């Protein structure tokens, strides 16, 4: 092998590593998870219109979300909160092989739709839960973002019996105080 080709190989390897921040030897499968954001850290962006949703005094109202996202897929109730549910794209699962620095998808298939759940109390947005995909099972050794991951089985907290679903907002539940003095 010529030195010139070796330089190109190392250059491409470094670029691949930097762009993915992933190296190792493993087989992985993704799965669906949920995350939540509270109103303090929430900035809404509509993917279809590519615009940010307007808000008043750093708080989103139910009307502002309806105006930004349009008609919801479903409207429901949780405790004292109104819940607007929107589609957020197609949910995919992947099976990948990671030999050294490259990531090869072996199998990918749709598993349904990702959703966004907006929880409103007194017409003000309190909580947002959304679906996302991440590694669910990993068999091998992978280094990701300076963290050495060497799992053989469930990942992302699942091996500690953590749940894949985000906890529902407690602010929506009416806490009735019981008087036991009678």
Protein backbone atom coordinates (compact mmCIF):
# COMPACT_ATOMS: atom_id res chain seq x y z
CA UNK A 1 0.00 0.00 0.00
CA UNK A 2 1.36 3.38 -0.94
CA UNK A 3 1.87 6.05 1.72
CA UNK A 4 -0.45 8.36 -0.21
CA UNK A 5 -3.33 5.84 0.08
CA UNK A 6 -2.54 5.30 3.75
CA UNK A 7 -2.83 9.07 4.40
CA UNK A 8 -6.23 9.11 2.69
CA UNK A 9 -7.35 6.13 4.76
CA UNK A 10 -6.38 7.78 8.05
CA UNK A 11 -7.92 11.10 7.00
CA UNK A 12 -11.22 9.44 6.11
CA UNK A 13 -11.13 7.37 9.31
CA UNK A 14 -10.65 10.47 11.45
CA UNK A 15 -13.45 12.30 9.62
CA UNK A 16 -15.79 9.32 10.10
CA UNK A 17 -14.93 9.11 13.79
CA UNK A 18 -15.41 12.84 14.37
CA UNK A 19 -18.71 12.95 12.48
CA UNK A 20 -20.19 9.97 14.34
CA UNK A 21 -18.32 10.08 17.65
CA UNK A 22 -18.69 6.32 17.65
CA UNK A 23 -16.12 3.53 17.42
CA UNK A 24 -16.11 -0.11 18.38
CA UNK A 25 -17.24 -3.56 17.39
CA UNK A 26 -20.90 -4.25 18.09
CA UNK A 27 -24.39 -5.09 16.90
CA UNK A 28 -27.10 -2.72 18.15
CA UNK A 29 -30.88 -2.37 17.95
CA UNK A 30 -32.78 0.86 18.49
CA UNK A 31 -36.11 1.23 20.25
CA UNK A 32 -38.68 3.87 21.13
CA UNK A 33 -38.26 6.00 24.25
CA UNK A 34 -39.89 9.13 25.68
CA UNK A 35 -38.50 12.37 27.09
CA UNK A 36 -40.23 15.28 28.74
CA UNK A 37 -39.68 19.02 28.93
CA UNK A 38 -41.22 21.35 31.46
CA UNK A 39 -42.44 24.82 30.56
CA UNK A 40 -39.23 26.51 31.76
CA UNK A 41 -37.10 24.84 29.07
CA UNK A 42 -39.60 24.56 26.25
CA UNK A 43 -39.22 26.19 22.84
CA UNK A 44 -41.69 24.86 20.29
CA UNK A 45 -40.80 24.52 16.63
CA UNK A 46 -43.14 23.26 13.91
CA UNK A 47 -41.27 20.92 11.55
CA UNK A 48 -43.81 21.31 8.74
CA UNK A 49 -43.79 25.12 8.57
CA UNK A 50 -40.19 25.47 9.84
CA UNK A 51 -41.26 28.24 12.21
CA UNK A 52 -41.08 28.77 15.93
CA UNK A 53 -44.38 28.97 17.77
CA UNK A 54 -45.11 32.35 19.31
CA UNK A 55 -45.57 32.65 23.05
CA UNK A 56 -46.64 35.31 25.48
CA UNK A 57 -44.36 36.16 28.43
CA UNK A 58 -42.31 32.99 27.82
CA UNK A 59 -45.42 30.84 28.29
CA UNK A 60 -47.30 28.95 25.58
CA UNK A 61 -51.08 29.03 25.59
CA UNK A 62 -53.34 26.33 24.22
CA UNK A 63 -54.47 28.65 21.42
CA UNK A 64 -50.85 29.42 20.43
CA UNK A 65 -50.02 25.70 20.17
CA UNK A 66 -53.20 25.03 18.17
CA UNK A 67 -52.33 27.91 15.85
CA UNK A 68 -48.76 26.68 15.39
CA UNK A 69 -49.38 22.93 15.05
CA UNK A 70 -52.95 22.90 13.70
CA UNK A 71 -55.57 20.32 14.57
CA UNK A 72 -54.27 17.57 16.89
CA UNK A 73 -54.43 13.88 16.13
CA UNK A 74 -56.24 13.35 19.43
CA UNK A 75 -57.51 15.39 22.39
CA UNK A 76 -57.73 13.76 25.80
CA UNK A 77 -57.76 14.56 29.50
CA UNK A 78 -55.32 13.62 32.25
CA UNK A 79 -56.39 14.75 35.71
CA UNK A 80 -56.92 18.51 35.53
CA UNK A 81 -54.96 18.84 32.28
CA UNK A 82 -56.09 18.89 28.68
CA UNK A 83 -53.79 16.85 26.46
CA UNK A 84 -53.20 17.59 22.77
CA UNK A 85 -51.51 14.75 20.88
CA UNK A 86 -49.75 15.34 17.55
CA UNK A 87 -47.93 13.07 15.09
CA UNK A 88 -44.21 13.80 15.02
CA UNK A 89 -43.06 11.66 12.09
CA UNK A 90 -42.59 7.97 11.53
CA UNK A 91 -40.94 5.85 14.22
CA UNK A 92 -38.18 3.54 12.95
CA UNK A 93 -36.23 0.70 14.51
CA UNK A 94 -32.73 -0.12 13.24
CA UNK A 95 -30.40 -3.05 13.59
CA UNK A 96 -26.83 -1.90 12.91
CA UNK A 97 -23.33 -3.33 12.85
CA UNK A 98 -20.43 -1.14 13.97
CA UNK A 99 -17.07 -2.51 12.82
CA UNK A 100 -14.36 -0.12 14.06
CA UNK A 101 -15.41 3.38 12.85
CA UNK A 102 -18.27 2.78 10.43
CA UNK A 103 -21.95 2.27 11.14
CA UNK A 104 -23.80 -0.11 8.80
CA UNK A 105 -27.59 -0.35 9.03
CA UNK A 106 -28.49 -4.00 8.42
CA UNK A 107 -32.23 -3.84 8.92
CA UNK A 108 -34.58 -0.90 9.40
CA UNK A 109 -38.34 -0.96 9.61
CA UNK A 110 -41.17 1.43 10.60
CA UNK A 111 -42.82 0.75 13.95
CA UNK A 112 -45.57 3.39 13.93
CA UNK A 113 -45.63 7.11 14.53
CA UNK A 114 -43.70 9.24 16.98
CA UNK A 115 -46.01 11.53 18.93
CA UNK A 116 -45.84 14.76 20.89
CA UNK A 117 -48.05 15.18 23.96
CA UNK A 118 -48.82 18.71 25.21
CA UNK A 119 -50.29 19.02 28.73
CA UNK A 120 -52.26 22.22 29.48
CA UNK A 121 -53.59 23.35 32.84
CA UNK A 122 -55.83 26.44 32.85
CA UNK A 123 -55.03 26.91 29.13
CA UNK A 124 -51.26 27.23 29.82
CA UNK A 125 -48.72 24.68 28.63
CA UNK A 126 -47.15 22.91 31.61
CA UNK A 127 -45.45 19.85 30.16
CA UNK A 128 -44.41 18.29 26.85
CA UNK A 129 -43.65 14.60 26.29
CA UNK A 130 -42.22 13.40 22.98
CA UNK A 131 -41.13 10.09 21.49
CA UNK A 132 -37.61 9.47 20.16
CA UNK A 133 -35.40 6.53 19.13
CA UNK A 134 -32.22 5.42 20.85
CA UNK A 135 -30.15 2.27 21.33
CA UNK A 136 -32.14 -0.34 23.23
CA UNK A 137 -29.90 -3.41 22.92
CA UNK A 138 -26.15 -3.52 22.33
CA UNK A 139 -23.96 -6.57 21.92
CA UNK A 140 -20.29 -5.65 21.80
CA UNK A 141 -17.98 -2.83 22.80
CA UNK A 142 -18.54 0.73 21.59
CA UNK A 143 -17.00 4.06 22.61
CA UNK A 144 -19.47 6.92 22.20
CA UNK A 145 -18.66 10.56 23.03
CA UNK A 146 -15.74 9.65 25.34
CA UNK A 147 -17.88 7.16 27.28
CA UNK A 148 -16.86 3.53 27.16
CA UNK A 149 -19.95 1.42 26.68
CA UNK A 150 -19.43 -2.32 26.78
CA UNK A 151 -22.90 -3.70 27.20
CA UNK A 152 -24.15 -7.09 26.29
CA UNK A 153 -27.90 -6.64 26.50
CA UNK A 154 -30.17 -3.75 27.44
CA UNK A 155 -28.81 -0.18 27.43
CA UNK A 156 -29.93 3.37 28.27
CA UNK A 157 -30.92 2.50 31.81
CA UNK A 158 -33.07 -0.45 30.79
CA UNK A 159 -30.63 -2.85 32.47
CA UNK A 160 -31.41 -1.00 35.73
CA UNK A 161 -35.13 -1.67 35.24
CA UNK A 162 -35.81 1.94 34.29
CA UNK A 163 -38.84 2.50 32.13
CA UNK A 164 -38.88 3.66 28.52
CA UNK A 165 -41.85 5.97 29.04
CA UNK A 166 -41.61 9.44 30.59
CA UNK A 167 -43.45 9.97 33.86
CA UNK A 168 -46.75 11.80 33.60
CA UNK A 169 -46.93 15.33 35.04
CA UNK A 170 -47.88 15.51 38.71
CA UNK A 171 -49.12 19.09 38.25
CA UNK A 172 -52.20 17.69 36.50
CA UNK A 173 -53.27 15.59 39.48
CA UNK A 174 -55.49 17.29 42.05
CA UNK A 175 -53.99 16.46 45.42
CA UNK A 176 -56.79 16.20 47.97
CA UNK A 177 -55.62 16.59 51.55
CA UNK A 178 -57.28 14.17 53.92
CA UNK A 179 -58.25 15.37 57.38
CA UNK A 180 -57.86 12.45 59.77
CA UNK A 181 -58.77 14.42 62.88
CA UNK A 182 -62.41 13.29 62.87
